[in-house]
Amino acid sequence: MITRTGPGRLIRVKERMNGAMYREILSDNLLPSARALKMKCGWVFQHDNDPKHTARATKEWLRKNHFKVLEWPSQSPDQNPIENLWR
């Protein structure tokens, strides 16, 4: 998670990620990061259209956990914050 107030927990992935691993990372880190960054209600989660992000199980997990997700075109270069984080 990267926000205008800074990054949330950064996770090092040492193996090939699949949908289950992605959901586990979200489960363990997304809300704790939002709380640590003192984000208020109403924020919107953005991720790209990687298959593990758009998998039915991931969409269902996000819906059940009441996350608002920004629709985003595949491989869009617009507003790619990770490029700035690596500097």
Foldseek 3Di string as FASTA:
>chain_A
DADPLGDFDDDDDPDDDALVNVLVCCVVTVVVRCVVSVPDPDDADEDAVDPSCPPPVNVVSCVVVVHHYDDDYHPDPPPPCVVVVVD
